[in-house]
Amino acid sequence: MSSLKFSEDHAWISVDAGVATVGITDYAQDQLGDIVYIEVPVSGRKVSKGEECAVIESVKAASEIHAPVSGEVVEHNVALADAPEIVNKDPLGGGWCFRIKISNPSEIDELMDEAVYKRFIA
């Protein structure tokens, strides 16, 4: 598994064998506050990099998750339907949102590594 990469709209991805696991960063969940609902894309949906593909609602606001890479959604985190607060407790682990089979691997290179992301949010 590769190291995490980050988008400017606070999504993270981790890539394993051409499939990207996507979630929101700890910074994003902290800014949102208590998450009460998550709408994730269904398997089979094709997404383009930057396309809105999921919605997270918190007690403070609703926010969109944009696809950090292009591809086809192959799985979503079914646990979030009953327990969206997992994203608050474990945003970089059990709080992942969906997985994309990447169609354009070069898009990964356009994302930030952890050091650059930390400077971005500072």
PDB file of N, CA and C in Angstrom:
ATOM      1  N   MET A   1       0.850  -1.183   0.000  1.00  0.00           N
ATOM      2  CA  MET A   1       0.000   0.000   0.000  1.00  0.00           C
ATOM      3  C   MET A   1       0.893   1.243   0.000  1.00  0.00           C
ATOM      4  N   SER A   2       0.485   2.242  -0.745  1.00  0.00           N
ATOM      5  CA  SER A   2       1.288   3.452  -0.841  1.00  0.00           C
ATOM      6  C   SER A   2       1.002   4.377   0.339  1.00  0.00           C
ATOM      7  N   SER A   3       1.788   5.430   0.408  1.00  0.00           N
ATOM      8  CA  SER A   3       1.515   6.432   1.431  1.00  0.00           C
ATOM      9  C   SER A   3       0.294   7.246   1.006  1.00  0.00           C
ATOM     10  N   LEU A   4      -0.229   7.998   1.946  1.00  0.00           N
ATOM     11  CA  LEU A   4      -1.415   8.802   1.661  1.00  0.00           C
ATOM     12  C   LEU A   4      -1.072   9.986   0.772  1.00  0.00           C
ATOM     13  N   LYS A   5      -2.025  10.362  -0.066  1.00  0.00           N
ATOM     14  CA  LYS A   5      -1.963  11.582  -0.873  1.00  0.00           C
ATOM     15  C   LYS A   5      -3.212  12.389  -0.533  1.00  0.00           C
ATOM     16  N   PHE A   6      -3.139  13.706  -0.759  1.00  0.00           N
ATOM     17  CA  PHE A   6      -4.210  14.598  -0.335  1.00  0.00           C
ATOM     18  C   PHE A   6      -4.593  15.567  -1.445  1.00  0.00           C
ATOM     19  N   SER A   7      -5.892  15.909  -1.498  1.00  0.00           N
ATOM     20  CA  SER A   7      -6.376  16.896  -2.464  1.00  0.00           C
ATOM     21  C   SER A   7      -6.567  18.239  -1.757  1.00  0.00           C
ATOM     22  N   GLU A   8      -6.686  19.301  -2.540  1.00  0.00           N
ATOM     23  CA  GLU A   8      -6.876  20.627  -1.968  1.00  0.00           C
ATOM     24  C   GLU A   8      -8.227  20.772  -1.272  1.00  0.00           C
ATOM     25  N   ASP A   9      -9.183  19.879  -1.599  1.00  0.00           N
ATOM     26  CA  ASP A   9     -10.483  19.949  -0.917  1.00  0.00           C
ATOM     27  C   ASP A   9     -10.577  18.918   0.211  1.00  0.00           C
ATOM     28  N   HIS A  10      -9.405  18.537   0.741  1.00  0.00           N
ATOM     29  CA  HIS A  10      -9.292  17.779   1.993  1.00  0.00           C
ATOM     30  C   HIS A  10      -9.780  16.339   1.915  1.00  0.00           C
ATOM     31  N   ALA A  11      -9.616  15.732   0.747  1.00  0.00           N
ATOM     32  CA  ALA A  11      -9.821  14.280   0.625  1.00  0.00           C
ATOM     33  C   ALA A  11      -8.437  13.632   0.689  1.00  0.00           C
ATOM     34  N   TRP A  12      -8.405  12.403   1.171  1.00  0.00           N
ATOM     35  CA  TRP A  12      -7.167  11.619   1.148  1.00  0.00           C
ATOM     36  C   TRP A  12      -7.398  10.375   0.304  1.00  0.00           C
ATOM     37  N   ILE A  13      -6.323   9.856  -0.274  1.00  0.00           N
ATOM     38  CA  ILE A  13      -6.409   8.564  -0.945  1.00  0.00           C
ATOM     39  C   ILE A  13      -5.196   7.732  -0.563  1.00  0.00           C
ATOM     40  N   SER A  14      -5.429   6.444  -0.588  1.00  0.00           N
ATOM     41  CA  SER A  14      -4.375   5.463  -0.432  1.00  0.00           C
ATOM     42  C   SER A  14      -4.582   4.458  -1.556  1.00  0.00           C
ATOM     43  N   VAL A  15      -3.525   4.175  -2.317  1.00  0.00           N
ATOM     44  CA  VAL A  15      -3.671   3.337  -3.497  1.00  0.00           C
ATOM     45  C   VAL A  15      -3.043   1.964  -3.255  1.00  0.00           C
ATOM     46  N   ASP A  16      -3.772   0.930  -3.634  1.00  0.00           N
ATOM     47  CA  ASP A  16      -3.278  -0.439  -3.538  1.00  0.00           C
ATOM     48  C   ASP A  16      -3.744  -1.184  -4.780  1.00  0.00           C
ATOM     49  N   ALA A  17      -2.804  -1.641  -5.588  1.00  0.00           N
ATOM     50  CA  ALA A  17      -3.102  -2.428  -6.794  1.00  0.00           C
ATOM     51  C   ALA A  17      -4.101  -1.724  -7.720  1.00  0.00           C
ATOM     52  N   GLY A  18      -3.906  -0.420  -7.921  1.00  0.00           N
ATOM     53  CA  GLY A  18      -4.738   0.322  -8.852  1.00  0.00           C
ATOM     54  C   GLY A  18      -6.095   0.751  -8.334  1.00  0.00           C
ATOM     55  N   VAL A  19      -6.336   0.502  -7.041  1.00  0.00           N
ATOM     56  CA  VAL A  19      -7.607   0.915  -6.432  1.00  0.00           C
ATOM     57  C   VAL A  19      -7.303   1.931  -5.332  1.00  0.00           C
ATOM     58  N   ALA A  20      -8.000   3.077  -5.404  1.00  0.00           N
ATOM     59  CA  ALA A  20      -7.806   4.145  -4.427  1.00  0.00           C
ATOM     60  C   ALA A  20      -8.908   4.099  -3.381  1.00  0.00           C
ATOM     61  N   THR A  21      -8.514   4.023  -2.124  1.00  0.00           N
ATOM     62  CA  THR A  21      -9.455   4.197  -1.022  1.00  0.00           C
ATOM     63  C   THR A  21      -9.500   5.690  -0.731  1.00  0.00           C
ATOM     64  N   VAL A  22     -10.730   6.250  -0.609  1.00  0.00           N
ATOM     65  CA  VAL A  22     -10.916   7.697  -0.471  1.00  0.00           C
ATOM     66  C   VAL A  22     -11.662   8.006   0.818  1.00  0.00           C
ATOM     67  N   GLY A  23     -11.235   9.053   1.496  1.00  0.00           N
ATOM     68  CA  GLY A  23     -11.932   9.539   2.680  1.00  0.00           C
ATOM     69  C   GLY A  23     -11.649  11.019   2.848  1.00  0.00           C
ATOM     70  N   ILE A  24     -12.097  11.576   3.961  1.00  0.00           N
ATOM     71  CA  ILE A  24     -11.770  12.973   4.245  1.00  0.00           C
ATOM     72  C   ILE A  24     -10.705  13.016   5.333  1.00  0.00           C
ATOM     73  N   THR A  25      -9.959  14.088   5.335  1.00  0.00           N
ATOM     74  CA  THR A  25      -8.843  14.208   6.270  1.00  0.00           C
ATOM     75  C   THR A  25      -9.322  14.505   7.685  1.00  0.00           C
ATOM     76  N   ASP A  26      -8.415  14.330   8.620  1.00  0.00           N
ATOM     77  CA  ASP A  26      -8.694  14.671  10.011  1.00  0.00           C
ATOM     78  C   ASP A  26      -9.018  16.161  10.117  1.00  0.00           C
ATOM     79  N   TYR A  27      -8.302  16.986   9.357  1.00  0.00           N
ATOM     80  CA  TYR A  27      -8.567  18.419   9.353  1.00  0.00           C
ATOM     81  C   TYR A  27     -10.005  18.694   8.907  1.00  0.00           C
ATOM     82  N   ALA A  28     -10.448  18.031   7.836  1.00  0.00           N
ATOM     83  CA  ALA A  28     -11.805  18.247   7.313  1.00  0.00           C
ATOM     84  C   ALA A  28     -12.863  17.818   8.323  1.00  0.00           C
ATOM     85  N   GLN A  29     -12.697  16.646   8.931  1.00  0.00           N
ATOM     86  CA  GLN A  29     -13.712  16.198   9.891  1.00  0.00           C
ATOM     87  C   GLN A  29     -13.746  17.113  11.101  1.00  0.00           C
ATOM     88  N   ASP A  30     -12.586  17.651  11.482  1.00  0.00           N
ATOM     89  CA  ASP A  30     -12.531  18.571  12.617  1.00  0.00           C
ATOM     90  C   ASP A  30     -13.265  19.872  12.289  1.00  0.00           C
ATOM     91  N   GLN A  31     -13.096  20.369  11.071  1.00  0.00           N
ATOM     92  CA  GLN A  31     -13.772  21.588  10.643  1.00  0.00           C
ATOM     93  C   GLN A  31     -15.289  21.384  10.563  1.00  0.00           C
ATOM     94  N   LEU A  32     -15.709  20.193  10.131  1.00  0.00           N
ATOM     95  CA  LEU A  32     -17.140  19.905   9.995  1.00  0.00           C
ATOM     96  C   LEU A  32     -17.831  19.723  11.339  1.00  0.00           C
ATOM     97  N   GLY A  33     -17.137  19.167  12.306  1.00  0.00           N
ATOM     98  CA  GLY A  33     -17.773  18.850  13.588  1.00  0.00           C
ATOM     99  C   GLY A  33     -18.456  17.495  13.507  1.00  0.00           C
ATOM    100  N   ASP A  34     -19.432  17.270  14.366  1.00  0.00           N
ATOM    101  CA  ASP A  34     -20.076  15.958  14.468  1.00  0.00           C
ATOM    102  C   ASP A  34     -20.811  15.604  13.174  1.00  0.00           C
ATOM    103  N   ILE A  35     -20.360  14.540  12.531  1.00  0.00           N
ATOM    104  CA  ILE A  35     -20.947  14.098  11.263  1.00  0.00           C
ATOM    105  C   ILE A  35     -22.190  13.264  11.552  1.00  0.00           C
ATOM    106  N   VAL A  36     -23.283  13.614  10.869  1.00  0.00           N
ATOM    107  CA  VAL A  36     -24.567  12.955  11.124  1.00  0.00           C
ATOM    108  C   VAL A  36     -25.080  12.142   9.935  1.00  0.00           C
ATOM    109  N   TYR A  37     -24.528  12.354   8.739  1.00  0.00           N
ATOM    110  CA  TYR A  37     -25.010  11.637   7.556  1.00  0.00           C
ATOM    111  C   TYR A  37     -23.954  11.703   6.469  1.00  0.00           C
ATOM    112  N   ILE A  38     -23.798  10.599   5.735  1.00  0.00           N
ATOM    113  CA  ILE A  38     -22.895  10.572   4.586  1.00  0.00           C
ATOM    114  C   ILE A  38     -23.603   9.865   3.432  1.00  0.00           C
ATOM    115  N   GLU A  39     -23.599  10.515   2.285  1.00  0.00           N
ATOM    116  CA  GLU A  39     -24.113   9.911   1.055  1.00  0.00           C
ATOM    117  C   GLU A  39     -22.909   9.605   0.181  1.00  0.00           C
ATOM    118  N   VAL A  40     -22.674   8.327  -0.083  1.00  0.00           N
ATOM    119  CA  VAL A  40     -21.510   7.915  -0.870  1.00  0.00           C
ATOM    120  C   VAL A  40     -21.955   7.393  -2.229  1.00  0.00           C
ATOM    121  N   PRO A  41     -21.062   7.411  -3.222  1.00  0.00           N
ATOM    122  CA  PRO A  41     -21.437   6.924  -4.550  1.00  0.00           C
ATOM    123  C   PRO A  41     -21.601   5.407  -4.564  1.00  0.00           C
ATOM    124  N   VAL A  42     -22.467   4.928  -5.443  1.00  0.00           N
ATOM    125  CA  VAL A  42     -22.726   3.496  -5.554  1.00  0.00           C
ATOM    126  C   VAL A  42     -21.687   2.840  -6.457  1.00  0.00           C
ATOM    127  N   SER A  43     -21.485   1.558  -6.247  1.00  0.00           N
ATOM    128  CA  SER A  43     -20.563   0.794  -7.080  1.00  0.00           C
ATOM    129  C   SER A  43     -21.015   0.862  -8.533  1.00  0.00           C
ATOM    130  N   GLY A  44     -20.040   0.963  -9.421  1.00  0.00           N
ATOM    131  CA  GLY A  44     -20.320   1.038 -10.843  1.00  0.00           C
ATOM    132  C   GLY A  44     -20.363   2.458 -11.376  1.00  0.00           C
ATOM    133  N   ARG A  45     -20.482   3.439 -10.493  1.00  0.00           N
ATOM    134  CA  ARG A  45     -20.519   4.831 -10.949  1.00  0.00           C
ATOM    135  C   ARG A  45     -19.138   5.257 -11.424  1.00  0.00           C
ATOM    136  N   LYS A  46     -19.085   5.854 -12.590  1.00  0.00           N
ATOM    137  CA  LYS A  46     -17.829   6.395 -13.098  1.00  0.00           C
ATOM    138  C   LYS A  46     -17.726   7.852 -12.656  1.00  0.00           C
ATOM    139  N   VAL A  47     -16.545   8.227 -12.162  1.00  0.00           N
ATOM    140  CA  VAL A  47     -16.317   9.588 -11.693  1.00  0.00           C
ATOM    141  C   VAL A  47     -15.073  10.160 -12.370  1.00  0.00           C
ATOM    142  N   SER A  48     -15.090  11.473 -12.535  1.00  0.00           N
ATOM    143  CA  SER A  48     -13.933  12.178 -13.077  1.00  0.00           C
ATOM    144  C   SER A  48     -13.262  12.948 -11.955  1.00  0.00           C
ATOM    145  N   LYS A  49     -11.952  13.110 -12.071  1.00  0.00           N
ATOM    146  CA  LYS A  49     -11.217  13.868 -11.060  1.00  0.00           C
ATOM    147  C   LYS A  49     -11.883  15.231 -10.875  1.00  0.00           C
ATOM    148  N   GLY A  50     -12.124  15.595  -9.616  1.00  0.00           N
ATOM    149  CA  GLY A  50     -12.723  16.882  -9.297  1.00  0.00           C
ATOM    150  C   GLY A  50     -14.239  16.874  -9.256  1.00  0.00           C
ATOM    151  N   GLU A  51     -14.859  15.788  -9.717  1.00  0.00           N
ATOM    152  CA  GLU A  51     -16.323  15.701  -9.740  1.00  0.00           C
ATOM    153  C   GLU A  51     -16.877  15.467  -8.332  1.00  0.00           C
ATOM    154  N   GLU A  52     -17.961  16.167  -8.008  1.00  0.00           N
ATOM    155  CA  GLU A  52     -18.629  15.934  -6.734  1.00  0.00           C
ATOM    156  C   GLU A  52     -19.215  14.523  -6.769  1.00  0.00           C
ATOM    157  N   CYS A  53     -18.877  13.715  -5.764  1.00  0.00           N
ATOM    158  CA  CYS A  53     -19.366  12.335  -5.808  1.00  0.00           C
ATOM    159  C   CYS A  53     -19.902  11.835  -4.475  1.00  0.00           C
ATOM    160  N   ALA A  54     -19.801  12.629  -3.434  1.00  0.00           N
ATOM    161  CA  ALA A  54     -20.343  12.237  -2.130  1.00  0.00           C
ATOM    162  C   ALA A  54     -20.673  13.499  -1.342  1.00  0.00           C
ATOM    163  N   VAL A  55     -21.538  13.351  -0.337  1.00  0.00           N
ATOM    164  CA  VAL A  55     -21.922  14.478   0.505  1.00  0.00           C
ATOM    165  C   VAL A  55     -21.817  14.052   1.963  1.00  0.00           C
ATOM    166  N   ILE A  56     -21.231  14.926   2.764  1.00  0.00           N
ATOM    167  CA  ILE A  56     -21.134  14.700   4.205  1.00  0.00           C
ATOM    168  C   ILE A  56     -21.907  15.811   4.899  1.00  0.00           C
ATOM    169  N   GLU A  57     -22.818  15.433   5.781  1.00  0.00           N
ATOM    170  CA  GLU A  57     -23.560  16.422   6.554  1.00  0.00           C
ATOM    171  C   GLU A  57     -23.138  16.327   8.010  1.00  0.00           C
ATOM    172  N   SER A  58     -22.923  17.507   8.602  1.00  0.00           N
ATOM    173  CA  SER A  58     -22.579  17.563  10.015  1.00  0.00           C
ATOM    174  C   SER A  58     -23.561  18.488  10.709  1.00  0.00           C
ATOM    175  N   VAL A  59     -23.392  18.625  12.006  1.00  0.00           N
ATOM    176  CA  VAL A  59     -24.249  19.549  12.739  1.00  0.00           C
ATOM    177  C   VAL A  59     -23.988  20.993  12.312  1.00  0.00           C
ATOM    178  N   LYS A  60     -22.831  21.259  11.707  1.00  0.00           N
ATOM    179  CA  LYS A  60     -22.473  22.613  11.277  1.00  0.00           C
ATOM    180  C   LYS A  60     -22.857  22.908   9.828  1.00  0.00           C
ATOM    181  N   ALA A  61     -22.642  21.935   8.925  1.00  0.00           N
ATOM    182  CA  ALA A  61     -22.773  22.216   7.494  1.00  0.00           C
ATOM    183  C   ALA A  61     -22.832  20.932   6.691  1.00  0.00           C
ATOM    184  N   ALA A  62     -23.150  21.093   5.407  1.00  0.00           N
ATOM    185  CA  ALA A  62     -23.023  19.988   4.453  1.00  0.00           C
ATOM    186  C   ALA A  62     -21.828  20.312   3.568  1.00  0.00           C
ATOM    187  N   SER A  63     -21.087  19.287   3.187  1.00  0.00           N
ATOM    188  CA  SER A  63     -19.897  19.481   2.383  1.00  0.00           C
ATOM    189  C   SER A  63     -19.809  18.365   1.353  1.00  0.00           C
ATOM    190  N   GLU A  64     -19.297  18.687   0.185  1.00  0.00           N
ATOM    191  CA  GLU A  64     -19.151  17.685  -0.855  1.00  0.00           C
ATOM    192  C   GLU A  64     -17.759  17.073  -0.806  1.00  0.00           C
ATOM    193  N   ILE A  65     -17.691  15.819  -1.220  1.00  0.00           N
ATOM    194  CA  ILE A  65     -16.403  15.177  -1.451  1.00  0.00           C
ATOM    195  C   ILE A  65     -16.257  15.091  -2.967  1.00  0.00           C
ATOM    196  N   HIS A  66     -15.127  15.585  -3.461  1.00  0.00           N
ATOM    197  CA  HIS A  66     -14.840  15.526  -4.890  1.00  0.00           C
ATOM    198  C   HIS A  66     -13.863  14.389  -5.134  1.00  0.00           C
ATOM    199  N   ALA A  67     -14.054  13.692  -6.236  1.00  0.00           N
ATOM    200  CA  ALA A  67     -13.174  12.570  -6.568  1.00  0.00           C
ATOM    201  C   ALA A  67     -11.745  13.078  -6.754  1.00  0.00           C
ATOM    202  N   PRO A  68     -10.783  12.542  -5.997  1.00  0.00           N
ATOM    203  CA  PRO A  68      -9.398  12.982  -6.151  1.00  0.00           C
ATOM    204  C   PRO A  68      -8.735  12.412  -7.402  1.00  0.00           C
ATOM    205  N   VAL A  69      -9.323  11.346  -7.956  1.00  0.00           N
ATOM    206  CA  VAL A  69      -8.849  10.721  -9.192  1.00  0.00           C
ATOM    207  C   VAL A  69     -10.057  10.239  -9.987  1.00  0.00           C
ATOM    208  N   SER A  70      -9.831   9.984 -11.269  1.00  0.00           N
ATOM    209  CA  SER A  70     -10.893   9.465 -12.136  1.00  0.00           C
ATOM    210  C   SER A  70     -10.919   7.948 -12.087  1.00  0.00           C
ATOM    211  N   GLY A  71     -12.117   7.389 -12.286  1.00  0.00           N
ATOM    212  CA  GLY A  71     -12.235   5.937 -12.337  1.00  0.00           C
ATOM    213  C   GLY A  71     -13.648   5.485 -12.062  1.00  0.00           C
ATOM    214  N   GLU A  72     -13.759   4.220 -11.670  1.00  0.00           N
ATOM    215  CA  GLU A  72     -15.059   3.625 -11.383  1.00  0.00           C
ATOM    216  C   GLU A  72     -15.139   3.232  -9.913  1.00  0.00           C
ATOM    217  N   VAL A  73     -16.217   3.646  -9.275  1.00  0.00           N
ATOM    218  CA  VAL A  73     -16.426   3.271  -7.878  1.00  0.00           C
ATOM    219  C   VAL A  73     -16.645   1.766  -7.809  1.00  0.00           C
ATOM    220  N   VAL A  74     -15.853   1.098  -6.982  1.00  0.00           N
ATOM    221  CA  VAL A  74     -15.960  -0.360  -6.871  1.00  0.00           C
ATOM    222  C   VAL A  74     -16.493  -0.807  -5.511  1.00  0.00           C
ATOM    223  N   GLU A  75     -16.528   0.115  -4.554  1.00  0.00           N
ATOM    224  CA  GLU A  75     -17.007  -0.245  -3.217  1.00  0.00           C
ATOM    225  C   GLU A  75     -17.280   1.032  -2.441  1.00  0.00           C
ATOM    226  N   HIS A  76     -18.236   0.952  -1.507  1.00  0.00           N
ATOM    227  CA  HIS A  76     -18.435   2.062  -0.569  1.00  0.00           C
ATOM    228  C   HIS A  76     -18.513   1.484   0.833  1.00  0.00           C
ATOM    229  N   ASN A  77     -18.257   2.314   1.795  1.00  0.00           N
ATOM    230  CA  ASN A  77     -18.197   1.881   3.191  1.00  0.00           C
ATOM    231  C   ASN A  77     -19.620   1.798   3.754  1.00  0.00           C
ATOM    232  N   VAL A  78     -20.177   0.601   3.760  1.00  0.00           N
ATOM    233  CA  VAL A  78     -21.564   0.408   4.193  1.00  0.00           C
ATOM    234  C   VAL A  78     -21.753   0.742   5.675  1.00  0.00           C
ATOM    235  N   ALA A  79     -20.695   0.654   6.463  1.00  0.00           N
ATOM    236  CA  ALA A  79     -20.800   0.958   7.901  1.00  0.00           C
ATOM    237  C   ALA A  79     -21.201   2.404   8.146  1.00  0.00           C
ATOM    238  N   LEU A  80     -20.895   3.297   7.211  1.00  0.00           N
ATOM    239  CA  LEU A  80     -21.182   4.717   7.416  1.00  0.00           C
ATOM    240  C   LEU A  80     -22.670   5.029   7.381  1.00  0.00           C
ATOM    241  N   ALA A  81     -23.476   4.176   6.761  1.00  0.00           N
ATOM    242  CA  ALA A  81     -24.921   4.413   6.701  1.00  0.00           C
ATOM    243  C   ALA A  81     -25.521   4.433   8.102  1.00  0.00           C
ATOM    244  N   ASP A  82     -25.087   3.519   8.952  1.00  0.00           N
ATOM    245  CA  ASP A  82     -25.619   3.425  10.308  1.00  0.00           C
ATOM    246  C   ASP A  82     -24.767   4.166  11.334  1.00  0.00           C
ATOM    247  N   ALA A  83     -23.509   4.443  10.992  1.00  0.00           N
ATOM    248  CA  ALA A  83     -22.599   5.057  11.965  1.00  0.00           C
ATOM    249  C   ALA A  83     -21.678   6.074  11.287  1.00  0.00           C
ATOM    250  N   PRO A  84     -22.243   7.190  10.783  1.00  0.00           N
ATOM    251  CA  PRO A  84     -21.400   8.181  10.099  1.00  0.00           C
ATOM    252  C   PRO A  84     -20.338   8.798  11.004  1.00  0.00           C
ATOM    253  N   GLU A  85     -20.559   8.705  12.314  1.00  0.00           N
ATOM    254  CA  GLU A  85     -19.594   9.268  13.260  1.00  0.00           C
ATOM    255  C   GLU A  85     -18.244   8.562  13.231  1.00  0.00           C
ATOM    256  N   ILE A  86     -18.167   7.404  12.556  1.00  0.00           N
ATOM    257  CA  ILE A  86     -16.877   6.719  12.395  1.00  0.00           C
ATOM    258  C   ILE A  86     -15.871   7.671  11.750  1.00  0.00           C
ATOM    259  N   VAL A  87     -16.347   8.532  10.849  1.00  0.00           N
ATOM    260  CA  VAL A  87     -15.447   9.476  10.178  1.00  0.00           C
ATOM    261  C   VAL A  87     -14.817  10.429  11.193  1.00  0.00           C
ATOM    262  N   ASN A  88     -15.563  10.845  12.215  1.00  0.00           N
ATOM    263  CA  ASN A  88     -14.997  11.704  13.258  1.00  0.00           C
ATOM    264  C   ASN A  88     -13.963  10.957  14.089  1.00  0.00           C
ATOM    265  N   LYS A  89     -14.241   9.685  14.371  1.00  0.00           N
ATOM    266  CA  LYS A  89     -13.372   8.912  15.263  1.00  0.00           C
ATOM    267  C   LYS A  89     -12.124   8.388  14.563  1.00  0.00           C
ATOM    268  N   ASP A  90     -12.246   8.020  13.275  1.00  0.00           N
ATOM    269  CA  ASP A  90     -11.150   7.360  12.563  1.00  0.00           C
ATOM    270  C   ASP A  90     -11.154   7.767  11.089  1.00  0.00           C
ATOM    271  N   PRO A  91     -10.934   9.061  10.779  1.00  0.00           N
ATOM    272  CA  PRO A  91     -11.070   9.527   9.402  1.00  0.00           C
ATOM    273  C   PRO A  91     -10.093   8.898   8.410  1.00  0.00           C
ATOM    274  N   LEU A  92      -8.922   8.514   8.886  1.00  0.00           N
ATOM    275  CA  LEU A  92      -7.917   7.951   7.980  1.00  0.00           C
ATOM    276  C   LEU A  92      -7.893   6.418   8.005  1.00  0.00           C
ATOM    277  N   GLY A  93      -8.863   5.820   8.695  1.00  0.00           N
ATOM    278  CA  GLY A  93      -8.922   4.360   8.780  1.00  0.00           C
ATOM    279  C   GLY A  93     -10.317   3.872   8.485  1.00  0.00           C
ATOM    280  N   GLY A  94     -11.028   3.470   9.540  1.00  0.00           N
ATOM    281  CA  GLY A  94     -12.375   2.922   9.394  1.00  0.00           C
ATOM    282  C   GLY A  94     -13.384   3.891   8.816  1.00  0.00           C
ATOM    283  N   GLY A  95     -13.052   5.186   8.788  1.00  0.00           N
ATOM    284  CA  GLY A  95     -13.954   6.201   8.255  1.00  0.00           C
ATOM    285  C   GLY A  95     -13.790   6.457   6.765  1.00  0.00           C
ATOM    286  N   TRP A  96     -13.109   5.546   6.061  1.00  0.00           N
ATOM    287  CA  TRP A  96     -13.001   5.709   4.606  1.00  0.00           C
ATOM    288  C   TRP A  96     -14.396   5.736   3.994  1.00  0.00           C
ATOM    289  N   CYS A  97     -14.542   6.379   2.841  1.00  0.00           N
ATOM    290  CA  CYS A  97     -15.869   6.561   2.240  1.00  0.00           C
ATOM    291  C   CYS A  97     -16.153   5.620   1.063  1.00  0.00           C
ATOM    292  N   PHE A  98     -15.218   5.554   0.105  1.00  0.00           N
ATOM    293  CA  PHE A  98     -15.438   4.708  -1.074  1.00  0.00           C
ATOM    294  C   PHE A  98     -14.106   4.358  -1.716  1.00  0.00           C
ATOM    295  N   ARG A  99     -14.157   3.398  -2.647  1.00  0.00           N
ATOM    296  CA  ARG A  99     -12.956   2.966  -3.370  1.00  0.00           C
ATOM    297  C   ARG A  99     -13.196   3.123  -4.865  1.00  0.00           C
ATOM    298  N   ILE A 100     -12.168   3.594  -5.554  1.00  0.00           N
ATOM    299  CA  ILE A 100     -12.231   3.842  -7.000  1.00  0.00           C
ATOM    300  C   ILE A 100     -11.160   3.020  -7.697  1.00  0.00           C
ATOM    301  N   LYS A 101     -11.546   2.272  -8.745  1.00  0.00           N
ATOM    302  CA  LYS A 101     -10.567   1.642  -9.640  1.00  0.00           C
ATOM    303  C   LYS A 101     -10.071   2.758 -10.546  1.00  0.00           C
ATOM    304  N   ILE A 102      -8.816   3.103 -10.408  1.00  0.00           N
ATOM    305  CA  ILE A 102      -8.256   4.288 -11.066  1.00  0.00           C
ATOM    306  C   ILE A 102      -8.128   4.067 -12.572  1.00  0.00           C
ATOM    307  N   SER A 103      -8.629   5.042 -13.348  1.00  0.00           N
ATOM    308  CA  SER A 103      -8.519   4.945 -14.801  1.00  0.00           C
ATOM    309  C   SER A 103      -7.335   5.739 -15.356  1.00  0.00           C
ATOM    310  N   ASN A 104      -6.826   6.703 -14.588  1.00  0.00           N
ATOM    311  CA  ASN A 104      -5.698   7.515 -15.046  1.00  0.00           C
ATOM    312  C   ASN A 104      -4.697   7.663 -13.898  1.00  0.00           C
ATOM    313  N   PRO A 105      -3.785   6.690 -13.756  1.00  0.00           N
ATOM    314  CA  PRO A 105      -2.857   6.700 -12.621  1.00  0.00           C
ATOM    315  C   PRO A 105      -2.005   7.955 -12.503  1.00  0.00           C
ATOM    316  N   SER A 106      -1.768   8.671 -13.598  1.00  0.00           N
ATOM    317  CA  SER A 106      -0.934   9.876 -13.525  1.00  0.00           C
ATOM    318  C   SER A 106      -1.586  10.970 -12.680  1.00  0.00           C
ATOM    319  N   GLU A 107      -2.911  10.900 -12.476  1.00  0.00           N
ATOM    320  CA  GLU A 107      -3.585  11.898 -11.641  1.00  0.00           C
ATOM    321  C   GLU A 107      -3.111  11.851 -10.182  1.00  0.00           C
ATOM    322  N   ILE A 108      -2.627  10.707  -9.756  1.00  0.00           N
ATOM    323  CA  ILE A 108      -2.126  10.572  -8.383  1.00  0.00           C
ATOM    324  C   ILE A 108      -0.964  11.535  -8.151  1.00  0.00           C
ATOM    325  N   ASP A 109      -0.144  11.734  -9.186  1.00  0.00           N
ATOM    326  CA  ASP A 109       1.030  12.597  -9.064  1.00  0.00           C
ATOM    327  C   ASP A 109       0.651  14.059  -8.856  1.00  0.00           C
ATOM    328  N   GLU A 110      -0.594  14.428  -9.182  1.00  0.00           N
ATOM    329  CA  GLU A 110      -1.044  15.812  -9.035  1.00  0.00           C
ATOM    330  C   GLU A 110      -1.490  16.114  -7.591  1.00  0.00           C
ATOM    331  N   LEU A 111      -1.600  15.083  -6.751  1.00  0.00           N
ATOM    332  CA  LEU A 111      -2.038  15.261  -5.369  1.00  0.00           C
ATOM    333  C   LEU A 111      -0.851  15.580  -4.462  1.00  0.00           C
ATOM    334  N   MET A 112      -1.148  16.099  -3.277  1.00  0.00           N
ATOM    335  CA  MET A 112      -0.102  16.485  -2.328  1.00  0.00           C
ATOM    336  C   MET A 112       0.314  15.298  -1.453  1.00  0.00           C
ATOM    337  N   ASP A 113       1.597  15.275  -1.094  1.00  0.00           N
ATOM    338  CA  ASP A 113       2.006  14.313  -0.072  1.00  0.00           C
ATOM    339  C   ASP A 113       1.705  14.927   1.296  1.00  0.00           C
ATOM    340  N   GLU A 114       1.956  14.180   2.342  1.00  0.00           N
ATOM    341  CA  GLU A 114       1.560  14.622   3.679  1.00  0.00           C
ATOM    342  C   GLU A 114       2.246  15.924   4.097  1.00  0.00           C
ATOM    343  N   ALA A 115       3.537  16.068   3.801  1.00  0.00           N
ATOM    344  CA  ALA A 115       4.266  17.271   4.197  1.00  0.00           C
ATOM    345  C   ALA A 115       3.692  18.512   3.508  1.00  0.00           C
ATOM    346  N   VAL A 116       3.403  18.400   2.228  1.00  0.00           N
ATOM    347  CA  VAL A 116       2.842  19.528   1.483  1.00  0.00           C
ATOM    348  C   VAL A 116       1.431  19.844   1.989  1.00  0.00           C
ATOM    349  N   TYR A 117       0.634  18.796   2.278  1.00  0.00           N
ATOM    350  CA  TYR A 117      -0.714  19.022   2.777  1.00  0.00           C
ATOM    351  C   TYR A 117      -0.678  19.739   4.129  1.00  0.00           C
ATOM    352  N   LYS A 118       0.228  19.338   5.000  1.00  0.00           N
ATOM    353  CA  LYS A 118       0.337  19.993   6.318  1.00  0.00           C
ATOM    354  C   LYS A 118       0.654  21.474   6.166  1.00  0.00           C
ATOM    355  N   ARG A 119       1.515  21.810   5.205  1.00  0.00           N
ATOM    356  CA  ARG A 119       1.797  23.240   4.952  1.00  0.00           C
ATOM    357  C   ARG A 119       0.555  23.920   4.368  1.00  0.00           C
ATOM    358  N   PHE A 120      -0.181  23.214   3.533  1.00  0.00           N
ATOM    359  CA  PHE A 120      -1.393  23.763   2.900  1.00  0.00           C
ATOM    360  C   PHE A 120      -2.440  24.161   3.932  1.00  0.00           C
ATOM    361  N   ILE A 121      -2.603  23.345   4.978  1.00  0.00           N
ATOM    362  CA  ILE A 121      -3.660  23.638   5.973  1.00  0.00           C
ATOM    363  C   ILE A 121      -3.171  24.539   7.109  1.00  0.00           C
ATOM    364  N   ALA A 122      -1.860  24.787   7.149  1.00  0.00           N
ATOM    365  CA  ALA A 122      -1.300  25.605   8.243  1.00  0.00           C
ATOM    366  C   ALA A 122      -1.729  27.064   8.143  1.00  0.00           C
TER     367      ALA A 122
END
